[in-house]
């Protein structure tokens, strides 16, 4: 917020904004202390003459919150990408013991057609180690 002030003897410029850490003020480019005025408002002492007063809000808690939120988002994205990577088929994670590397082979395995080339036991044969008489 910017205010152009002209005063003969000087005084206080009161901003009807609640006093909160992070507010700073400049008079003609020079940083001046922001003081609590009328219990809850803020103001600055303005010397005699014509001046430009600028109030700025630069909260360190706001910046810290933004930084923490950004790090949390990056971590969540990292976990999401990591879980997609870990869910691909590898020999140690596959229930069939297959190594899947391409989408076509994965689709074939999921549809049950991947093992077509391997010999299938006949319906007449019994369990392994069983001999028919």
N, C-alpha and C. Protein backbone atom coordinates (compact mmCIF):
# COMPACT_ATOMS: atom_id res chain seq x y z
N UNK A 1 0.85 -1.15 0.00
CA UNK A 1 0.00 0.00 0.00
C UNK A 1 0.90 1.23 0.00
N UNK A 2 0.57 2.19 -0.83
CA UNK A 2 1.37 3.41 -0.94
C UNK A 2 0.51 4.63 -0.60
N UNK A 3 1.11 5.55 0.14
CA UNK A 3 0.40 6.79 0.49
C UNK A 3 1.36 7.96 0.30
N UNK A 4 0.89 9.02 -0.35
CA UNK A 4 1.65 10.26 -0.46
C UNK A 4 1.18 11.17 0.67
N UNK A 5 2.12 11.57 1.53
CA UNK A 5 1.79 12.33 2.74
C UNK A 5 2.47 13.68 2.68
N UNK A 6 1.72 14.73 3.05
CA UNK A 6 2.28 16.07 3.17
C UNK A 6 1.85 16.63 4.52
N UNK A 7 2.82 16.98 5.37
CA UNK A 7 2.53 17.50 6.70
C UNK A 7 3.49 18.63 7.05
N UNK A 8 2.99 19.63 7.79
CA UNK A 8 3.83 20.77 8.17
C UNK A 8 4.71 20.45 9.38
N UNK A 9 4.19 19.67 10.35
CA UNK A 9 4.94 19.44 11.58
C UNK A 9 5.32 17.98 11.79
N UNK A 10 4.92 17.09 10.92
CA UNK A 10 5.18 15.67 11.14
C UNK A 10 4.06 15.05 11.94
N UNK A 11 4.09 13.75 12.10
CA UNK A 11 3.04 13.05 12.84
C UNK A 11 3.10 11.56 12.57
N UNK A 12 1.97 10.90 12.80
CA UNK A 12 1.88 9.47 12.58
C UNK A 12 0.92 9.18 11.43
N UNK A 13 1.32 8.26 10.58
CA UNK A 13 0.42 7.72 9.57
C UNK A 13 -0.03 6.36 10.10
N UNK A 14 -1.35 6.23 10.33
CA UNK A 14 -1.90 5.00 10.90
C UNK A 14 -2.59 4.22 9.79
N UNK A 15 -2.22 2.97 9.69
CA UNK A 15 -2.83 2.05 8.73
C UNK A 15 -3.82 1.19 9.51
N UNK A 16 -5.08 1.21 9.13
CA UNK A 16 -6.08 0.45 9.88
C UNK A 16 -6.05 -1.02 9.45
N UNK A 17 -4.91 -1.61 9.63
CA UNK A 17 -4.65 -3.02 9.36
C UNK A 17 -4.08 -3.59 10.65
N UNK A 18 -4.53 -4.75 11.04
CA UNK A 18 -4.08 -5.35 12.30
C UNK A 18 -2.56 -5.51 12.31
N UNK A 19 -1.98 -5.17 13.46
CA UNK A 19 -0.54 -5.33 13.64
C UNK A 19 -0.21 -6.82 13.62
N UNK A 20 0.71 -7.19 12.76
CA UNK A 20 1.10 -8.59 12.60
C UNK A 20 2.55 -8.62 12.17
N UNK A 21 3.34 -9.57 12.69
CA UNK A 21 4.74 -9.66 12.25
C UNK A 21 4.84 -9.85 10.75
N UNK A 22 5.77 -9.20 10.14
CA UNK A 22 5.97 -9.32 8.70
C UNK A 22 5.68 -8.02 7.95
N UNK A 23 4.97 -7.09 8.58
CA UNK A 23 4.74 -5.79 7.94
C UNK A 23 5.99 -4.94 8.07
N UNK A 24 6.32 -4.24 7.02
CA UNK A 24 7.44 -3.28 7.05
C UNK A 24 7.02 -2.05 6.27
N UNK A 25 7.71 -0.97 6.56
CA UNK A 25 7.35 0.31 5.92
C UNK A 25 8.61 1.01 5.43
N UNK A 26 8.40 1.80 4.40
CA UNK A 26 9.48 2.64 3.83
C UNK A 26 8.94 4.05 3.65
N UNK A 27 9.75 4.98 4.03
CA UNK A 27 9.43 6.38 3.76
C UNK A 27 10.50 6.90 2.81
N UNK A 28 10.08 7.28 1.63
CA UNK A 28 10.99 7.74 0.57
C UNK A 28 12.11 6.73 0.32
N UNK A 29 11.79 5.44 0.40
CA UNK A 29 12.75 4.38 0.12
C UNK A 29 13.55 3.90 1.32
N UNK A 30 13.51 4.64 2.44
CA UNK A 30 14.26 4.25 3.64
C UNK A 30 13.35 3.42 4.55
N UNK A 31 13.88 2.31 5.05
CA UNK A 31 13.10 1.44 5.93
C UNK A 31 12.93 2.13 7.28
N UNK A 32 11.69 2.14 7.77
CA UNK A 32 11.37 2.71 9.08
C UNK A 32 10.63 1.66 9.90
N UNK A 33 10.73 1.72 11.23
CA UNK A 33 10.05 0.72 12.06
C UNK A 33 8.53 0.93 12.06
N UNK A 34 7.81 -0.17 11.99
CA UNK A 34 6.36 -0.14 12.09
C UNK A 34 6.02 -0.31 13.57
N UNK A 35 5.18 0.58 14.07
CA UNK A 35 4.84 0.57 15.49
C UNK A 35 3.37 0.24 15.68
N UNK A 36 3.07 -0.36 16.84
CA UNK A 36 1.68 -0.64 17.19
C UNK A 36 1.01 0.66 17.62
N UNK A 37 -0.18 0.91 17.06
CA UNK A 37 -0.91 2.14 17.33
C UNK A 37 -2.35 1.78 17.68
N UNK A 38 -2.93 2.49 18.67
CA UNK A 38 -4.32 2.28 19.07
C UNK A 38 -4.64 0.81 19.33
N UNK A 39 -3.82 0.17 20.10
CA UNK A 39 -3.96 -1.20 20.59
C UNK A 39 -3.71 -2.25 19.51
N UNK A 40 -4.33 -2.14 18.34
CA UNK A 40 -4.20 -3.24 17.37
C UNK A 40 -3.78 -2.81 15.97
N UNK A 41 -3.69 -1.55 15.70
CA UNK A 41 -3.33 -1.10 14.35
C UNK A 41 -1.83 -0.84 14.26
N UNK A 42 -1.38 -0.42 13.12
CA UNK A 42 0.04 -0.15 12.91
C UNK A 42 0.22 1.23 12.30
N UNK A 43 1.37 1.80 12.57
CA UNK A 43 1.64 3.13 12.04
C UNK A 43 3.12 3.42 12.01
N UNK A 44 3.45 4.51 11.35
CA UNK A 44 4.85 4.96 11.26
C UNK A 44 4.90 6.45 11.54
N UNK A 45 6.01 6.86 12.11
CA UNK A 45 6.23 8.28 12.36
C UNK A 45 6.69 8.92 11.06
N UNK A 46 5.99 9.98 10.65
CA UNK A 46 6.31 10.66 9.39
C UNK A 46 6.87 12.04 9.73
N UNK A 47 8.07 12.38 9.24
CA UNK A 47 8.63 13.71 9.50
C UNK A 47 7.91 14.78 8.68
N UNK A 48 8.15 16.02 9.03
CA UNK A 48 7.53 17.13 8.32
C UNK A 48 7.98 17.13 6.86
N UNK A 49 7.07 17.55 5.99
CA UNK A 49 7.39 17.62 4.57
C UNK A 49 6.51 16.70 3.74
N UNK A 50 6.90 16.58 2.50
CA UNK A 50 6.15 15.74 1.57
C UNK A 50 6.91 14.42 1.41
N UNK A 51 6.21 13.29 1.61
CA UNK A 51 6.86 11.98 1.60
C UNK A 51 5.96 10.93 0.94
N UNK A 52 6.59 9.88 0.45
CA UNK A 52 5.89 8.71 -0.06
C UNK A 52 6.12 7.57 0.93
N UNK A 53 5.02 7.04 1.49
CA UNK A 53 5.10 5.97 2.49
C UNK A 53 4.55 4.68 1.85
N UNK A 54 5.34 3.61 1.98
CA UNK A 54 4.94 2.31 1.42
C UNK A 54 4.92 1.28 2.54
N UNK A 55 3.77 0.60 2.69
CA UNK A 55 3.65 -0.52 3.60
C UNK A 55 3.69 -1.80 2.77
N UNK A 56 4.50 -2.76 3.22
CA UNK A 56 4.62 -4.05 2.54
C UNK A 56 4.45 -5.18 3.55
N UNK A 57 3.83 -6.25 3.10
CA UNK A 57 3.71 -7.44 3.95
C UNK A 57 4.60 -8.52 3.38
N UNK A 58 5.60 -8.91 4.15
CA UNK A 58 6.54 -9.96 3.74
C UNK A 58 6.72 -10.90 4.91
N UNK A 59 5.74 -11.75 5.12
CA UNK A 59 5.74 -12.64 6.28
C UNK A 59 6.71 -13.80 6.10
N UNK A 60 7.51 -14.04 7.10
CA UNK A 60 8.41 -15.19 7.06
C UNK A 60 7.62 -16.48 7.24
N UNK A 61 6.53 -16.44 8.00
CA UNK A 61 5.71 -17.64 8.18
C UNK A 61 5.02 -18.02 6.87
N UNK A 62 4.63 -17.01 6.10
CA UNK A 62 4.01 -17.29 4.80
C UNK A 62 5.01 -17.94 3.86
N UNK A 63 6.23 -17.41 3.84
CA UNK A 63 7.27 -18.01 2.99
C UNK A 63 7.63 -19.41 3.46
N UNK A 64 7.71 -19.63 4.77
CA UNK A 64 8.02 -20.96 5.31
C UNK A 64 6.91 -21.95 4.95
N UNK A 65 5.67 -21.51 5.06
CA UNK A 65 4.54 -22.38 4.69
C UNK A 65 4.57 -22.75 3.22
N UNK A 66 4.91 -21.80 2.37
CA UNK A 66 5.01 -22.07 0.94
C UNK A 66 6.13 -23.08 0.66
N UNK A 67 7.27 -22.91 1.33
CA UNK A 67 8.39 -23.82 1.13
C UNK A 67 8.05 -25.23 1.60
N UNK A 68 7.39 -25.35 2.75
CA UNK A 68 7.01 -26.66 3.27
C UNK A 68 6.00 -27.33 2.35
N UNK A 69 5.03 -26.55 1.86
CA UNK A 69 4.03 -27.11 0.95
C UNK A 69 4.67 -27.59 -0.35
N UNK A 70 5.63 -26.83 -0.87
CA UNK A 70 6.32 -27.22 -2.09
C UNK A 70 7.11 -28.51 -1.89
N UNK A 71 7.80 -28.62 -0.75
CA UNK A 71 8.55 -29.84 -0.46
C UNK A 71 7.61 -31.04 -0.28
N UNK A 72 6.49 -30.83 0.38
CA UNK A 72 5.52 -31.92 0.56
C UNK A 72 4.96 -32.38 -0.78
N UNK A 73 4.68 -31.45 -1.67
CA UNK A 73 4.18 -31.81 -3.00
C UNK A 73 5.24 -32.59 -3.77
N UNK A 74 6.48 -32.14 -3.71
CA UNK A 74 7.55 -32.84 -4.41
C UNK A 74 7.73 -34.25 -3.85
N UNK A 75 7.63 -34.40 -2.54
CA UNK A 75 7.76 -35.72 -1.92
C UNK A 75 6.60 -36.62 -2.32
N UNK A 76 5.39 -36.07 -2.35
CA UNK A 76 4.22 -36.86 -2.76
C UNK A 76 4.35 -37.32 -4.21
N UNK A 77 4.83 -36.43 -5.07
CA UNK A 77 5.04 -36.82 -6.47
C UNK A 77 6.12 -37.89 -6.58
N UNK A 78 7.17 -37.75 -5.78
CA UNK A 78 8.23 -38.75 -5.77
C UNK A 78 7.69 -40.11 -5.36
N UNK A 79 6.86 -40.13 -4.31
CA UNK A 79 6.26 -41.40 -3.87
C UNK A 79 5.34 -41.97 -4.93
N UNK A 80 4.59 -41.12 -5.61
CA UNK A 80 3.68 -41.59 -6.66
C UNK A 80 4.43 -42.19 -7.82
N UNK A 81 5.49 -41.54 -8.27
CA UNK A 81 6.29 -42.06 -9.38
C UNK A 81 7.02 -43.32 -8.94
N UNK A 82 7.50 -43.35 -7.71
CA UNK A 82 8.19 -44.53 -7.20
C UNK A 82 7.27 -45.73 -7.11
N UNK A 83 6.02 -45.53 -6.71
CA UNK A 83 5.11 -46.66 -6.60
C UNK A 83 4.74 -47.20 -7.98
N UNK A 84 4.65 -46.35 -8.99
CA UNK A 84 4.39 -46.83 -10.35
C UNK A 84 5.58 -47.64 -10.84
N UNK A 85 6.78 -47.17 -10.55
CA UNK A 85 7.99 -47.89 -10.97
C UNK A 85 8.07 -49.25 -10.29
N UNK A 86 7.74 -49.31 -9.00
CA UNK A 86 7.84 -50.56 -8.26
C UNK A 86 6.74 -51.54 -8.61
N UNK A 87 5.65 -51.07 -9.21
CA UNK A 87 4.55 -51.97 -9.51
C UNK A 87 4.73 -52.69 -10.85
N UNK A 88 5.77 -52.39 -11.61
CA UNK A 88 6.02 -53.12 -12.85
C UNK A 88 6.52 -54.51 -12.51
N UNK A 89 6.34 -55.45 -13.44
CA UNK A 89 6.70 -56.84 -13.17
C UNK A 89 8.20 -57.03 -13.19
N UNK A 90 8.72 -57.69 -12.17
CA UNK A 90 10.11 -58.11 -12.08
C UNK A 90 10.08 -59.55 -11.61
N UNK A 91 11.13 -60.33 -11.83
CA UNK A 91 11.11 -61.74 -11.43
C UNK A 91 10.77 -61.95 -9.95
N UNK A 92 11.28 -61.11 -9.10
CA UNK A 92 11.03 -61.30 -7.67
C UNK A 92 9.64 -60.87 -7.27
N UNK A 93 8.94 -60.08 -8.07
CA UNK A 93 7.63 -59.57 -7.71
C UNK A 93 6.51 -60.22 -8.51
N UNK A 94 6.82 -61.01 -9.50
CA UNK A 94 5.80 -61.59 -10.35
C UNK A 94 5.28 -62.88 -9.73
N UNK A 95 3.98 -63.03 -9.72
CA UNK A 95 3.40 -64.26 -9.17
C UNK A 95 3.67 -65.45 -10.08
N UNK A 96 3.91 -65.24 -11.35
CA UNK A 96 4.19 -66.33 -12.29
C UNK A 96 5.69 -66.55 -12.48
N UNK A 97 6.50 -65.69 -11.91
CA UNK A 97 7.94 -65.83 -12.08
C UNK A 97 8.40 -65.36 -13.45
N UNK A 98 7.62 -64.53 -14.12
CA UNK A 98 7.96 -64.06 -15.46
C UNK A 98 8.67 -62.71 -15.36
N UNK A 99 9.51 -62.45 -16.29
CA UNK A 99 10.14 -61.15 -16.38
C UNK A 99 9.41 -60.38 -17.47
N UNK A 100 8.71 -59.35 -17.10
CA UNK A 100 7.97 -58.55 -18.07
C UNK A 100 8.73 -57.27 -18.34
N UNK A 101 8.97 -56.97 -19.57
CA UNK A 101 9.69 -55.75 -19.93
C UNK A 101 8.86 -54.85 -20.83
N UNK A 102 7.98 -55.40 -21.62
CA UNK A 102 7.22 -54.55 -22.55
C UNK A 102 5.74 -54.65 -22.26
N UNK A 103 4.99 -53.65 -22.68
CA UNK A 103 3.56 -53.62 -22.47
C UNK A 103 2.86 -54.77 -23.17
N UNK A 104 3.33 -55.17 -24.38
CA UNK A 104 2.69 -56.27 -25.12
C UNK A 104 2.84 -57.58 -24.36
N UNK A 105 4.01 -57.83 -23.81
CA UNK A 105 4.22 -59.06 -23.06
C UNK A 105 3.42 -59.05 -21.77
N UNK A 106 3.29 -57.88 -21.16
CA UNK A 106 2.50 -57.76 -19.95
C UNK A 106 1.03 -58.05 -20.24
N UNK A 107 0.51 -57.47 -21.31
CA UNK A 107 -0.88 -57.72 -21.69
C UNK A 107 -1.10 -59.20 -22.01
N UNK A 108 -0.13 -59.83 -22.69
CA UNK A 108 -0.25 -61.24 -23.01
C UNK A 108 -0.27 -62.09 -21.75
N UNK A 109 0.55 -61.74 -20.78
CA UNK A 109 0.60 -62.51 -19.54
C UNK A 109 -0.70 -62.34 -18.76
N UNK A 110 -1.24 -61.14 -18.74
CA UNK A 110 -2.47 -60.90 -18.01
C UNK A 110 -3.66 -61.57 -18.67
N UNK A 111 -3.61 -61.74 -19.97
CA UNK A 111 -4.72 -62.39 -20.65
C UNK A 111 -4.58 -63.91 -20.65
N UNK A 112 -3.46 -64.44 -20.16
CA UNK A 112 -3.26 -65.89 -20.09
C UNK A 112 -2.68 -66.49 -21.35
N UNK A 113 -2.29 -65.70 -22.34
CA UNK A 113 -1.76 -66.23 -23.59
C UNK A 113 -0.25 -66.28 -23.62
N UNK A 114 0.43 -65.83 -22.60
CA UNK A 114 1.89 -65.76 -22.63
C UNK A 114 2.51 -67.15 -22.64
N UNK A 115 1.91 -68.10 -21.95
CA UNK A 115 2.49 -69.42 -21.81
C UNK A 115 2.01 -70.41 -22.87
N UNK A 116 1.46 -69.95 -23.99
CA UNK A 116 0.93 -70.85 -25.02
C UNK A 116 2.00 -71.75 -25.61
N UNK A 117 3.22 -71.31 -25.69
CA UNK A 117 4.28 -72.11 -26.31
C UNK A 117 4.73 -73.24 -25.39
N UNK A 118 4.49 -73.13 -24.11
CA UNK A 118 4.93 -74.20 -23.20
C UNK A 118 3.95 -75.36 -23.26
N UNK A 119 4.44 -76.59 -23.09
CA UNK A 119 3.55 -77.76 -23.16
C UNK A 119 2.57 -77.75 -22.01
N UNK A 120 1.33 -78.11 -22.33
CA UNK A 120 0.27 -78.18 -21.33
C UNK A 120 0.09 -79.65 -20.94
N UNK A 121 -0.16 -79.92 -19.68
CA UNK A 121 -0.42 -81.31 -19.29
C UNK A 121 -1.76 -81.76 -19.88
N UNK A 122 -1.81 -82.98 -20.29
CA UNK A 122 -3.05 -83.50 -20.87
C UNK A 122 -4.05 -83.78 -19.76
N UNK A 123 -5.31 -83.88 -20.13
CA UNK A 123 -6.37 -84.12 -19.16
C UNK A 123 -6.27 -85.53 -18.59
N UNK A 124 -5.66 -86.46 -19.35
CA UNK A 124 -5.56 -87.83 -18.90
C UNK A 124 -4.46 -88.00 -17.86
N UNK A 125 -3.48 -87.17 -17.90
CA UNK A 125 -2.35 -87.31 -16.99
C UNK A 125 -2.77 -86.89 -15.59
N UNK A 126 -2.25 -87.57 -14.63
CA UNK A 126 -2.54 -87.27 -13.23
C UNK A 126 -1.55 -86.26 -12.69
N UNK A 127 -1.54 -86.16 -11.42
CA UNK A 127 -0.58 -85.21 -10.82
C UNK A 127 0.86 -85.68 -11.05
N UNK A 128 1.82 -84.80 -10.93
CA UNK A 128 3.21 -85.19 -11.14
C UNK A 128 3.61 -86.34 -10.21
N UNK A 129 4.36 -87.29 -10.73
CA UNK A 129 4.80 -88.44 -9.96
C UNK A 129 3.78 -89.57 -9.93
N UNK A 130 2.64 -89.37 -10.53
CA UNK A 130 1.58 -90.39 -10.57
C UNK A 130 1.74 -91.20 -11.84
N UNK A 131 1.73 -92.46 -11.72
CA UNK A 131 1.80 -93.32 -12.92
C UNK A 131 0.47 -94.03 -13.06
N UNK A 132 0.02 -94.12 -14.29
CA UNK A 132 -1.25 -94.82 -14.52
C UNK A 132 -0.98 -96.29 -14.78
N UNK A 133 -1.84 -97.16 -14.35
CA UNK A 133 -1.63 -98.60 -14.46
C UNK A 133 -2.22 -99.18 -15.69
